[in-house]
Amino acid sequence: MQALNDARKLIERQPDGETARILSALVLALESEEIYPISDLYKLNYDDFGLALALLIEWRLDRYYTKKAVLLNLSSQVVQMGAASTKSPALAETGS
Protein backbone atom coordinates (compact mmCIF):
# COMPACT_ATOMS: atom_id res chain seq x y z
CA MET A 1 0.00 0.00 0.00
CA GLN A 2 2.41 2.61 -1.28
CA ALA A 3 0.02 5.58 -1.37
CA LEU A 4 -0.75 5.17 2.34
CA ASN A 5 2.96 5.28 3.13
CA ASP A 6 3.62 8.17 0.76
CA ALA A 7 0.77 10.22 2.21
CA ARG A 8 1.96 9.56 5.75
CA LYS A 9 5.52 10.62 4.91
CA LEU A 10 4.33 13.77 3.16
CA ILE A 11 2.14 14.74 6.12
CA GLU A 12 4.95 14.03 8.59
CA ARG A 13 7.43 16.17 6.63
CA GLN A 14 5.20 19.24 6.46
CA PRO A 15 2.23 18.91 8.83
CA ASP A 16 1.51 22.65 8.59
CA GLY A 17 1.43 22.67 4.79
CA GLU A 18 -1.64 23.03 2.60
CA THR A 19 -1.04 19.63 0.99
CA ALA A 20 -0.91 17.91 4.40
CA ARG A 21 -4.13 19.65 5.39
CA ILE A 22 -5.93 18.60 2.22
CA LEU A 23 -4.75 14.99 2.35
CA SER A 24 -5.49 14.75 6.08
CA ALA A 25 -9.02 16.04 5.58
CA LEU A 26 -9.48 13.50 2.77
CA VAL A 27 -8.31 10.64 4.99
CA LEU A 28 -10.64 11.66 7.81
CA ALA A 29 -13.57 12.02 5.41
CA LEU A 30 -12.90 8.57 3.98
CA GLU A 31 -12.71 6.98 7.40
CA SER A 32 -15.83 8.68 8.73
CA GLU A 33 -17.68 8.39 5.42
CA GLU A 34 -18.38 12.12 5.55
CA ILE A 35 -18.74 14.46 2.61
CA TYR A 36 -15.45 15.83 1.26
CA PRO A 37 -15.20 18.90 -1.01
CA ILE A 38 -13.59 17.33 -4.06
CA SER A 39 -12.67 20.80 -5.33
CA ASP A 40 -9.98 20.83 -2.61
CA LEU A 41 -8.11 18.15 -4.56
CA TYR A 42 -7.68 20.61 -7.43
CA LYS A 43 -5.58 22.80 -5.12
CA LEU A 44 -2.91 20.08 -5.14
CA ASN A 45 -0.06 20.03 -7.63
CA TYR A 46 -0.12 17.29 -10.25
CA ASP A 47 1.96 14.74 -8.29
CA ASP A 48 0.06 15.26 -5.05
CA PHE A 49 -3.24 15.02 -6.94
CA GLY A 50 -2.06 11.65 -8.25
CA LEU A 51 -1.19 10.65 -4.69
CA ALA A 52 -4.73 11.59 -3.57
CA LEU A 53 -6.21 9.43 -6.33
CA ALA A 54 -3.94 6.51 -5.42
CA LEU A 55 -4.96 6.97 -1.80
CA LEU A 56 -8.62 6.70 -2.80
CA ILE A 57 -7.92 3.50 -4.70
CA GLU A 58 -5.98 1.91 -1.85
CA TRP A 59 -8.57 2.98 0.70
CA ARG A 60 -11.27 1.24 -1.28
CA LEU A 61 -9.18 -1.90 -1.78
CA ASP A 62 -8.31 -2.46 1.85
CA ARG A 63 -10.46 -0.66 4.39
CA TYR A 64 -8.84 -2.30 7.41
CA TYR A 65 -5.16 -2.24 6.54
CA THR A 66 -2.87 -1.57 9.51
CA LYS A 67 -0.94 1.27 7.88
CA LYS A 68 -4.21 3.09 7.36
CA ALA A 69 -4.62 3.40 11.14
CA VAL A 70 -1.25 5.16 11.44
CA LEU A 71 -2.16 7.55 8.61
CA LEU A 72 -5.59 8.15 10.12
CA ASN A 73 -4.10 9.06 13.51
CA LEU A 74 -1.57 11.42 11.95
CA SER A 75 -4.24 13.04 9.77
CA SER A 76 -6.44 13.62 12.80
CA GLN A 77 -3.57 15.38 14.58
CA VAL A 78 -2.89 17.64 11.58
CA VAL A 79 -6.56 18.64 11.26
CA GLN A 80 -6.71 19.39 15.00
CA MET A 81 -3.54 21.51 14.73
CA GLY A 82 -5.12 23.47 11.89
CA ALA A 83 -8.31 24.03 13.84
CA ALA A 84 -6.34 25.23 16.85
CA SER A 85 -4.26 27.67 14.80
CA THR A 86 -7.40 29.01 13.12
CA LYS A 87 -8.99 29.67 16.51
CA SER A 88 -5.90 31.25 18.09
CA PRO A 89 -6.19 34.73 16.50
CA ALA A 90 -9.80 35.03 17.64
CA LEU A 91 -8.81 34.12 21.17
CA ALA A 92 -6.06 36.72 21.12
CA GLU A 93 -8.50 39.40 20.01
CA THR A 94 -11.00 38.62 22.78
CA GLY A 95 -8.29 38.53 25.41
CA SER A 96 -8.98 34.88 26.31
PDB file of N, CA and C in Angstrom:
ATOM      1  N   MET A   1       0.831  -1.175   0.000  1.00  0.00           N
ATOM      2  CA  MET A   1       0.000   0.000   0.000  1.00  0.00           C
ATOM      3  C   MET A   1       0.884   1.250   0.000  1.00  0.00           C
ATOM      4  N   GLN A   2       1.429   1.536  -1.145  1.00  0.00           N
ATOM      5  CA  GLN A   2       2.408   2.605  -1.284  1.00  0.00           C
ATOM      6  C   GLN A   2       1.819   3.996  -1.060  1.00  0.00           C
ATOM      7  N   ALA A   3       0.610   4.249  -1.521  1.00  0.00           N
ATOM      8  CA  ALA A   3       0.023   5.582  -1.367  1.00  0.00           C
ATOM      9  C   ALA A   3      -0.197   5.916   0.109  1.00  0.00           C
ATOM     10  N   LEU A   4      -0.586   4.925   0.906  1.00  0.00           N
ATOM     11  CA  LEU A   4      -0.753   5.171   2.337  1.00  0.00           C
ATOM     12  C   LEU A   4       0.563   5.609   2.963  1.00  0.00           C
ATOM     13  N   ASN A   5       1.634   4.918   2.626  1.00  0.00           N
ATOM     14  CA  ASN A   5       2.961   5.283   3.134  1.00  0.00           C
ATOM     15  C   ASN A   5       3.392   6.651   2.627  1.00  0.00           C
ATOM     16  N   ASP A   6       3.203   6.892   1.342  1.00  0.00           N
ATOM     17  CA  ASP A   6       3.624   8.170   0.759  1.00  0.00           C
ATOM     18  C   ASP A   6       2.864   9.336   1.373  1.00  0.00           C
ATOM     19  N   ALA A   7       1.577   9.166   1.591  1.00  0.00           N
ATOM     20  CA  ALA A   7       0.770  10.223   2.209  1.00  0.00           C
ATOM     21  C   ALA A   7       1.233  10.470   3.642  1.00  0.00           C
ATOM     22  N   ARG A   8       1.488   9.410   4.371  1.00  0.00           N
ATOM     23  CA  ARG A   8       1.963   9.557   5.750  1.00  0.00           C
ATOM     24  C   ARG A   8       3.277  10.320   5.797  1.00  0.00           C
ATOM     25  N   LYS A   9       4.210   9.955   4.933  1.00  0.00           N
ATOM     26  CA  LYS A   9       5.515  10.618   4.908  1.00  0.00           C
ATOM     27  C   LYS A   9       5.380  12.088   4.542  1.00  0.00           C
ATOM     28  N   LEU A  10       4.545  12.384   3.572  1.00  0.00           N
ATOM     29  CA  LEU A  10       4.330  13.774   3.155  1.00  0.00           C
ATOM     30  C   LEU A  10       3.756  14.591   4.309  1.00  0.00           C
ATOM     31  N   ILE A  11       2.775  14.036   4.993  1.00  0.00           N
ATOM     32  CA  ILE A  11       2.143  14.741   6.116  1.00  0.00           C
ATOM     33  C   ILE A  11       3.137  14.922   7.268  1.00  0.00           C
ATOM     34  N   GLU A  12       3.957  13.924   7.527  1.00  0.00           N
ATOM     35  CA  GLU A  12       4.954  14.033   8.594  1.00  0.00           C
ATOM     36  C   GLU A  12       6.004  15.084   8.283  1.00  0.00           C
ATOM     37  N   ARG A  13       6.402  15.199   7.018  1.00  0.00           N
ATOM     38  CA  ARG A  13       7.426  16.173   6.627  1.00  0.00           C
ATOM     39  C   ARG A  13       6.952  17.606   6.788  1.00  0.00           C
ATOM     40  N   GLN A  14       5.714  17.868   6.428  1.00  0.00           N
ATOM     41  CA  GLN A  14       5.202  19.236   6.461  1.00  0.00           C
ATOM     42  C   GLN A  14       3.770  19.253   7.001  1.00  0.00           C
ATOM     43  N   PRO A  15       3.590  18.992   8.292  1.00  0.00           N
ATOM     44  CA  PRO A  15       2.233  18.914   8.832  1.00  0.00           C
ATOM     45  C   PRO A  15       1.468  20.231   8.774  1.00  0.00           C
ATOM     46  N   ASP A  16       2.170  21.342   8.664  1.00  0.00           N
ATOM     47  CA  ASP A  16       1.507  22.647   8.592  1.00  0.00           C
ATOM     48  C   ASP A  16       1.182  23.074   7.170  1.00  0.00           C
ATOM     49  N   GLY A  17       1.607  22.295   6.187  1.00  0.00           N
ATOM     50  CA  GLY A  17       1.426  22.667   4.785  1.00  0.00           C
ATOM     51  C   GLY A  17       0.007  22.439   4.285  1.00  0.00           C
ATOM     52  N   GLU A  18      -0.321  23.137   3.224  1.00  0.00           N
ATOM     53  CA  GLU A  18      -1.644  23.026   2.597  1.00  0.00           C
ATOM     54  C   GLU A  18      -1.896  21.609   2.081  1.00  0.00           C
ATOM     55  N   THR A  19      -0.881  20.989   1.506  1.00  0.00           N
ATOM     56  CA  THR A  19      -1.045  19.633   0.992  1.00  0.00           C
ATOM     57  C   THR A  19      -1.353  18.659   2.120  1.00  0.00           C
ATOM     58  N   ALA A  20      -0.657  18.775   3.240  1.00  0.00           N
ATOM     59  CA  ALA A  20      -0.915  17.909   4.397  1.00  0.00           C
ATOM     60  C   ALA A  20      -2.334  18.119   4.903  1.00  0.00           C
ATOM     61  N   ARG A  21      -2.786  19.354   4.931  1.00  0.00           N
ATOM     62  CA  ARG A  21      -4.134  19.645   5.394  1.00  0.00           C
ATOM     63  C   ARG A  21      -5.180  19.014   4.485  1.00  0.00           C
ATOM     64  N   ILE A  22      -4.976  19.142   3.183  1.00  0.00           N
ATOM     65  CA  ILE A  22      -5.929  18.596   2.216  1.00  0.00           C
ATOM     66  C   ILE A  22      -5.963  17.076   2.283  1.00  0.00           C
ATOM     67  N   LEU A  23      -4.793  16.449   2.298  1.00  0.00           N
ATOM     68  CA  LEU A  23      -4.752  14.987   2.354  1.00  0.00           C
ATOM     69  C   LEU A  23      -5.288  14.467   3.685  1.00  0.00           C
ATOM     70  N   SER A  24      -4.987  15.161   4.768  1.00  0.00           N
ATOM     71  CA  SER A  24      -5.493  14.752   6.081  1.00  0.00           C
ATOM     72  C   SER A  24      -7.012  14.833   6.135  1.00  0.00           C
ATOM     73  N   ALA A  25      -7.554  15.896   5.605  1.00  0.00           N
ATOM     74  CA  ALA A  25      -9.016  16.042   5.578  1.00  0.00           C
ATOM     75  C   ALA A  25      -9.646  14.942   4.722  1.00  0.00           C
ATOM     76  N   LEU A  26      -8.986  14.588   3.627  1.00  0.00           N
ATOM     77  CA  LEU A  26      -9.477  13.503   2.770  1.00  0.00           C
ATOM     78  C   LEU A  26      -9.488  12.184   3.529  1.00  0.00           C
ATOM     79  N   VAL A  27      -8.405  11.885   4.230  1.00  0.00           N
ATOM     80  CA  VAL A  27      -8.310  10.643   4.994  1.00  0.00           C
ATOM     81  C   VAL A  27      -9.412  10.570   6.048  1.00  0.00           C
ATOM     82  N   LEU A  28      -9.609  11.658   6.767  1.00  0.00           N
ATOM     83  CA  LEU A  28     -10.641  11.659   7.805  1.00  0.00           C
ATOM     84  C   LEU A  28     -12.034  11.520   7.208  1.00  0.00           C
ATOM     85  N   ALA A  29     -12.268  12.144   6.069  1.00  0.00           N
ATOM     86  CA  ALA A  29     -13.573  12.016   5.410  1.00  0.00           C
ATOM     87  C   ALA A  29     -13.799  10.583   4.933  1.00  0.00           C
ATOM     88  N   LEU A  30     -12.766   9.956   4.412  1.00  0.00           N
ATOM     89  CA  LEU A  30     -12.897   8.571   3.975  1.00  0.00           C
ATOM     90  C   LEU A  30     -13.210   7.651   5.152  1.00  0.00           C
ATOM     91  N   GLU A  31     -12.510   7.843   6.242  1.00  0.00           N
ATOM     92  CA  GLU A  31     -12.707   6.980   7.403  1.00  0.00           C
ATOM     93  C   GLU A  31     -14.086   7.171   8.022  1.00  0.00           C
ATOM     94  N   SER A  32     -14.541   8.401   8.091  1.00  0.00           N
ATOM     95  CA  SER A  32     -15.827   8.683   8.733  1.00  0.00           C
ATOM     96  C   SER A  32     -16.999   8.622   7.763  1.00  0.00           C
ATOM     97  N   GLU A  33     -16.675   8.418   6.481  1.00  0.00           N
ATOM     98  CA  GLU A  33     -17.684   8.387   5.425  1.00  0.00           C
ATOM     99  C   GLU A  33     -18.491   9.678   5.378  1.00  0.00           C
ATOM    100  N   GLU A  34     -17.779  10.785   5.616  1.00  0.00           N
ATOM    101  CA  GLU A  34     -18.382  12.115   5.552  1.00  0.00           C
ATOM    102  C   GLU A  34     -18.164  12.706   4.160  1.00  0.00           C
ATOM    103  N   ILE A  35     -18.878  13.751   3.884  1.00  0.00           N
ATOM    104  CA  ILE A  35     -18.736  14.460   2.606  1.00  0.00           C
ATOM    105  C   ILE A  35     -17.398  15.194   2.583  1.00  0.00           C
ATOM    106  N   TYR A  36     -16.731  15.146   1.444  1.00  0.00           N
ATOM    107  CA  TYR A  36     -15.452  15.834   1.263  1.00  0.00           C
ATOM    108  C   TYR A  36     -15.564  16.736   0.035  1.00  0.00           C
ATOM    109  N   PRO A  37     -15.141  17.992   0.149  1.00  0.00           N
ATOM    110  CA  PRO A  37     -15.203  18.901  -1.009  1.00  0.00           C
ATOM    111  C   PRO A  37     -14.134  18.528  -2.042  1.00  0.00           C
ATOM    112  N   ILE A  38     -14.544  17.833  -3.064  1.00  0.00           N
ATOM    113  CA  ILE A  38     -13.592  17.331  -4.061  1.00  0.00           C
ATOM    114  C   ILE A  38     -12.814  18.461  -4.738  1.00  0.00           C
ATOM    115  N   SER A  39     -13.370  19.663  -4.733  1.00  0.00           N
ATOM    116  CA  SER A  39     -12.670  20.803  -5.325  1.00  0.00           C
ATOM    117  C   SER A  39     -11.351  21.079  -4.592  1.00  0.00           C
ATOM    118  N   ASP A  40     -11.237  20.654  -3.330  1.00  0.00           N
ATOM    119  CA  ASP A  40      -9.978  20.829  -2.609  1.00  0.00           C
ATOM    120  C   ASP A  40      -8.837  20.058  -3.273  1.00  0.00           C
ATOM    121  N   LEU A  41      -9.153  18.936  -3.901  1.00  0.00           N
ATOM    122  CA  LEU A  41      -8.105  18.148  -4.562  1.00  0.00           C
ATOM    123  C   LEU A  41      -7.466  18.920  -5.706  1.00  0.00           C
ATOM    124  N   TYR A  42      -8.214  19.826  -6.319  1.00  0.00           N
ATOM    125  CA  TYR A  42      -7.681  20.612  -7.431  1.00  0.00           C
ATOM    126  C   TYR A  42      -6.689  21.672  -6.968  1.00  0.00           C
ATOM    127  N   LYS A  43      -6.574  21.880  -5.674  1.00  0.00           N
ATOM    128  CA  LYS A  43      -5.577  22.803  -5.123  1.00  0.00           C
ATOM    129  C   LYS A  43      -4.202  22.149  -5.060  1.00  0.00           C
ATOM    130  N   LEU A  44      -4.163  20.826  -5.206  1.00  0.00           N
ATOM    131  CA  LEU A  44      -2.906  20.082  -5.141  1.00  0.00           C
ATOM    132  C   LEU A  44      -2.152  20.175  -6.461  1.00  0.00           C
ATOM    133  N   ASN A  45      -0.820  20.107  -6.383  1.00  0.00           N
ATOM    134  CA  ASN A  45      -0.059  20.032  -7.629  1.00  0.00           C
ATOM    135  C   ASN A  45      -0.298  18.661  -8.271  1.00  0.00           C
ATOM    136  N   TYR A  46       0.191  18.485  -9.468  1.00  0.00           N
ATOM    137  CA  TYR A  46      -0.116  17.286 -10.246  1.00  0.00           C
ATOM    138  C   TYR A  46       0.280  15.997  -9.518  1.00  0.00           C
ATOM    139  N   ASP A  47       1.492  15.953  -8.971  1.00  0.00           N
ATOM    140  CA  ASP A  47       1.961  14.738  -8.293  1.00  0.00           C
ATOM    141  C   ASP A  47       1.145  14.441  -7.037  1.00  0.00           C
ATOM    142  N   ASP A  48       0.836  15.469  -6.270  1.00  0.00           N
ATOM    143  CA  ASP A  48       0.056  15.264  -5.053  1.00  0.00           C
ATOM    144  C   ASP A  48      -1.392  14.898  -5.376  1.00  0.00           C
ATOM    145  N   PHE A  49      -1.906  15.415  -6.479  1.00  0.00           N
ATOM    146  CA  PHE A  49      -3.242  15.024  -6.940  1.00  0.00           C
ATOM    147  C   PHE A  49      -3.249  13.529  -7.272  1.00  0.00           C
ATOM    148  N   GLY A  50      -2.204  13.077  -7.952  1.00  0.00           N
ATOM    149  CA  GLY A  50      -2.062  11.647  -8.253  1.00  0.00           C
ATOM    150  C   GLY A  50      -1.979  10.820  -6.983  1.00  0.00           C
ATOM    151  N   LEU A  51      -1.278  11.344  -5.975  1.00  0.00           N
ATOM    152  CA  LEU A  51      -1.193  10.651  -4.689  1.00  0.00           C
ATOM    153  C   LEU A  51      -2.584  10.549  -4.061  1.00  0.00           C
ATOM    154  N   ALA A  52      -3.364  11.606  -4.128  1.00  0.00           N
ATOM    155  CA  ALA A  52      -4.726  11.585  -3.569  1.00  0.00           C
ATOM    156  C   ALA A  52      -5.580  10.530  -4.272  1.00  0.00           C
ATOM    157  N   LEU A  53      -5.450  10.438  -5.586  1.00  0.00           N
ATOM    158  CA  LEU A  53      -6.209   9.427  -6.325  1.00  0.00           C
ATOM    159  C   LEU A  53      -5.767   8.015  -5.951  1.00  0.00           C
ATOM    160  N   ALA A  54      -4.459   7.823  -5.828  1.00  0.00           N
ATOM    161  CA  ALA A  54      -3.940   6.508  -5.420  1.00  0.00           C
ATOM    162  C   ALA A  54      -4.405   6.166  -4.007  1.00  0.00           C
ATOM    163  N   LEU A  55      -4.473   7.174  -3.152  1.00  0.00           N
ATOM    164  CA  LEU A  55      -4.961   6.972  -1.796  1.00  0.00           C
ATOM    165  C   LEU A  55      -6.421   6.509  -1.802  1.00  0.00           C
ATOM    166  N   LEU A  56      -7.224   7.111  -2.656  1.00  0.00           N
ATOM    167  CA  LEU A  56      -8.621   6.699  -2.799  1.00  0.00           C
ATOM    168  C   LEU A  56      -8.723   5.245  -3.238  1.00  0.00           C
ATOM    169  N   ILE A  57      -7.899   4.871  -4.188  1.00  0.00           N
ATOM    170  CA  ILE A  57      -7.920   3.496  -4.700  1.00  0.00           C
ATOM    171  C   ILE A  57      -7.526   2.516  -3.603  1.00  0.00           C
ATOM    172  N   GLU A  58      -6.428   2.810  -2.901  1.00  0.00           N
ATOM    173  CA  GLU A  58      -5.976   1.909  -1.848  1.00  0.00           C
ATOM    174  C   GLU A  58      -6.982   1.843  -0.703  1.00  0.00           C
ATOM    175  N   TRP A  59      -7.595   2.970  -0.395  1.00  0.00           N
ATOM    176  CA  TRP A  59      -8.570   2.984   0.696  1.00  0.00           C
ATOM    177  C   TRP A  59      -9.727   2.048   0.384  1.00  0.00           C
ATOM    178  N   ARG A  60     -10.154   2.088  -0.865  1.00  0.00           N
ATOM    179  CA  ARG A  60     -11.268   1.240  -1.283  1.00  0.00           C
ATOM    180  C   ARG A  60     -10.871  -0.236  -1.280  1.00  0.00           C
ATOM    181  N   LEU A  61      -9.629  -0.519  -1.688  1.00  0.00           N
ATOM    182  CA  LEU A  61      -9.179  -1.903  -1.777  1.00  0.00           C
ATOM    183  C   LEU A  61      -9.048  -2.575  -0.414  1.00  0.00           C
ATOM    184  N   ASP A  62      -8.586  -1.830   0.569  1.00  0.00           N
ATOM    185  CA  ASP A  62      -8.307  -2.461   1.852  1.00  0.00           C
ATOM    186  C   ASP A  62      -8.692  -1.521   2.985  1.00  0.00           C
ATOM    187  N   ARG A  63      -9.918  -1.589   3.382  1.00  0.00           N
ATOM    188  CA  ARG A  63     -10.457  -0.663   4.386  1.00  0.00           C
ATOM    189  C   ARG A  63      -9.884  -0.887   5.783  1.00  0.00           C
ATOM    190  N   TYR A  64      -9.283  -2.015   6.047  1.00  0.00           N
ATOM    191  CA  TYR A  64      -8.841  -2.299   7.413  1.00  0.00           C
ATOM    192  C   TYR A  64      -7.337  -2.566   7.495  1.00  0.00           C
ATOM    193  N   TYR A  65      -6.600  -2.028   6.585  1.00  0.00           N
ATOM    194  CA  TYR A  65      -5.163  -2.236   6.536  1.00  0.00           C
ATOM    195  C   TYR A  65      -4.495  -1.511   7.706  1.00  0.00           C
ATOM    196  N   THR A  66      -3.522  -2.113   8.333  1.00  0.00           N
ATOM    197  CA  THR A  66      -2.872  -1.565   9.512  1.00  0.00           C
ATOM    198  C   THR A  66      -2.258  -0.194   9.272  1.00  0.00           C
ATOM    199  N   LYS A  67      -1.599  -0.004   8.147  1.00  0.00           N
ATOM    200  CA  LYS A  67      -0.944   1.272   7.877  1.00  0.00           C
ATOM    201  C   LYS A  67      -1.956   2.400   7.780  1.00  0.00           C
ATOM    202  N   LYS A  68      -3.167   2.077   7.445  1.00  0.00           N
ATOM    203  CA  LYS A  68      -4.210   3.088   7.357  1.00  0.00           C
ATOM    204  C   LYS A  68      -4.465   3.694   8.737  1.00  0.00           C
ATOM    205  N   ALA A  69      -4.391   2.901   9.779  1.00  0.00           N
ATOM    206  CA  ALA A  69      -4.621   3.402  11.139  1.00  0.00           C
ATOM    207  C   ALA A  69      -3.572   4.435  11.525  1.00  0.00           C
ATOM    208  N   VAL A  70      -2.328   4.205  11.149  1.00  0.00           N
ATOM    209  CA  VAL A  70      -1.255   5.164  11.437  1.00  0.00           C
ATOM    210  C   VAL A  70      -1.518   6.466  10.690  1.00  0.00           C
ATOM    211  N   LEU A  71      -1.868   6.362   9.414  1.00  0.00           N
ATOM    212  CA  LEU A  71      -2.156   7.547   8.613  1.00  0.00           C
ATOM    213  C   LEU A  71      -3.377   8.280   9.156  1.00  0.00           C
ATOM    214  N   LEU A  72      -4.384   7.553   9.572  1.00  0.00           N
ATOM    215  CA  LEU A  72      -5.595   8.155  10.121  1.00  0.00           C
ATOM    216  C   LEU A  72      -5.276   8.947  11.389  1.00  0.00           C
ATOM    217  N   ASN A  73      -4.489   8.384  12.274  1.00  0.00           N
ATOM    218  CA  ASN A  73      -4.103   9.057  13.512  1.00  0.00           C
ATOM    219  C   ASN A  73      -3.332  10.342  13.210  1.00  0.00           C
ATOM    220  N   LEU A  74      -2.364  10.262  12.319  1.00  0.00           N
ATOM    221  CA  LEU A  74      -1.568  11.423  11.947  1.00  0.00           C
ATOM    222  C   LEU A  74      -2.445  12.495  11.308  1.00  0.00           C
ATOM    223  N   SER A  75      -3.346  12.093  10.436  1.00  0.00           N
ATOM    224  CA  SER A  75      -4.239  13.038   9.769  1.00  0.00           C
ATOM    225  C   SER A  75      -5.131  13.747  10.775  1.00  0.00           C
ATOM    226  N   SER A  76      -5.604  13.032  11.755  1.00  0.00           N
ATOM    227  CA  SER A  76      -6.436  13.624  12.803  1.00  0.00           C
ATOM    228  C   SER A  76      -5.663  14.687  13.568  1.00  0.00           C
ATOM    229  N   GLN A  77      -4.410  14.415  13.874  1.00  0.00           N
ATOM    230  CA  GLN A  77      -3.572  15.376  14.583  1.00  0.00           C
ATOM    231  C   GLN A  77      -3.362  16.641  13.751  1.00  0.00           C
ATOM    232  N   VAL A  78      -3.123  16.492  12.446  1.00  0.00           N
ATOM    233  CA  VAL A  78      -2.891  17.635  11.576  1.00  0.00           C
ATOM    234  C   VAL A  78      -4.145  18.503  11.489  1.00  0.00           C
ATOM    235  N   VAL A  79      -5.307  17.876  11.338  1.00  0.00           N
ATOM    236  CA  VAL A  79      -6.556  18.636  11.258  1.00  0.00           C
ATOM    237  C   VAL A  79      -6.806  19.374  12.573  1.00  0.00           C
ATOM    238  N   GLN A  80      -6.532  18.734  13.703  1.00  0.00           N
ATOM    239  CA  GLN A  80      -6.708  19.391  14.999  1.00  0.00           C
ATOM    240  C   GLN A  80      -5.747  20.565  15.160  1.00  0.00           C
ATOM    241  N   MET A  81      -4.508  20.413  14.677  1.00  0.00           N
ATOM    242  CA  MET A  81      -3.543  21.509  14.731  1.00  0.00           C
ATOM    243  C   MET A  81      -4.044  22.698  13.921  1.00  0.00           C
ATOM    244  N   GLY A  82      -4.595  22.414  12.743  1.00  0.00           N
ATOM    245  CA  GLY A  82      -5.118  23.473  11.891  1.00  0.00           C
ATOM    246  C   GLY A  82      -6.287  24.180  12.526  1.00  0.00           C
ATOM    247  N   ALA A  83      -7.154  23.435  13.171  1.00  0.00           N
ATOM    248  CA  ALA A  83      -8.307  24.033  13.842  1.00  0.00           C
ATOM    249  C   ALA A  83      -7.848  24.902  15.005  1.00  0.00           C
ATOM    250  N   ALA A  84      -6.847  24.453  15.721  1.00  0.00           N
ATOM    251  CA  ALA A  84      -6.340  25.227  16.852  1.00  0.00           C
ATOM    252  C   ALA A  84      -5.676  26.512  16.384  1.00  0.00           C
ATOM    253  N   SER A  85      -4.926  26.456  15.285  1.00  0.00           N
ATOM    254  CA  SER A  85      -4.257  27.665  14.795  1.00  0.00           C
ATOM    255  C   SER A  85      -5.255  28.643  14.188  1.00  0.00           C
ATOM    256  N   THR A  86      -6.353  28.139  13.671  1.00  0.00           N
ATOM    257  CA  THR A  86      -7.398  29.005  13.121  1.00  0.00           C
ATOM    258  C   THR A  86      -8.109  29.739  14.250  1.00  0.00           C
ATOM    259  N   LYS A  87      -8.289  29.080  15.380  1.00  0.00           N
ATOM    260  CA  LYS A  87      -8.992  29.675  16.514  1.00  0.00           C
ATOM    261  C   LYS A  87      -8.113  30.634  17.304  1.00  0.00           C
ATOM    262  N   SER A  88      -6.804  30.462  17.267  1.00  0.00           N
ATOM    263  CA  SER A  88      -5.896  31.253  18.088  1.00  0.00           C
ATOM    264  C   SER A  88      -6.037  32.759  17.890  1.00  0.00           C
ATOM    265  N   PRO A  89      -6.080  33.285  16.642  1.00  0.00           N
ATOM    266  CA  PRO A  89      -6.190  34.734  16.496  1.00  0.00           C
ATOM    267  C   PRO A  89      -7.465  35.286  17.130  1.00  0.00           C
ATOM    268  N   ALA A  90      -8.552  34.572  17.053  1.00  0.00           N
ATOM    269  CA  ALA A  90      -9.803  35.029  17.645  1.00  0.00           C
ATOM    270  C   ALA A  90      -9.672  35.094  19.157  1.00  0.00           C
ATOM    271  N   LEU A  91      -9.001  34.116  19.736  1.00  0.00           N
ATOM    272  CA  LEU A  91      -8.813  34.123  21.172  1.00  0.00           C
ATOM    273  C   LEU A  91      -7.947  35.293  21.606  1.00  0.00           C
ATOM    274  N   ALA A  92      -6.940  35.606  20.803  1.00  0.00           N
ATOM    275  CA  ALA A  92      -6.059  36.721  21.124  1.00  0.00           C
ATOM    276  C   ALA A  92      -6.814  38.037  21.088  1.00  0.00           C
ATOM    277  N   GLU A  93      -7.745  38.171  20.135  1.00  0.00           N
ATOM    278  CA  GLU A  93      -8.500  39.400  20.014  1.00  0.00           C
ATOM    279  C   GLU A  93      -9.472  39.602  21.161  1.00  0.00           C
ATOM    280  N   THR A  94     -10.025  38.498  21.696  1.00  0.00           N
ATOM    281  CA  THR A  94     -10.995  38.616  22.777  1.00  0.00           C
ATOM    282  C   THR A  94     -10.330  38.689  24.134  1.00  0.00           C
ATOM    283  N   GLY A  95      -9.010  38.484  24.161  1.00  0.00           N
ATOM    284  CA  GLY A  95      -8.295  38.530  25.412  1.00  0.00           C
ATOM    285  C   GLY A  95      -8.372  37.257  26.210  1.00  0.00           C
ATOM    286  N   SER A  96      -8.852  36.169  25.601  1.00  0.00           N
ATOM    287  CA  SER A  96      -8.979  34.883  26.307  1.00  0.00           C
ATOM    288  C   SER A  96      -7.680  34.144  26.324  1.00  0.00           C
TER     289      SER A  96
END
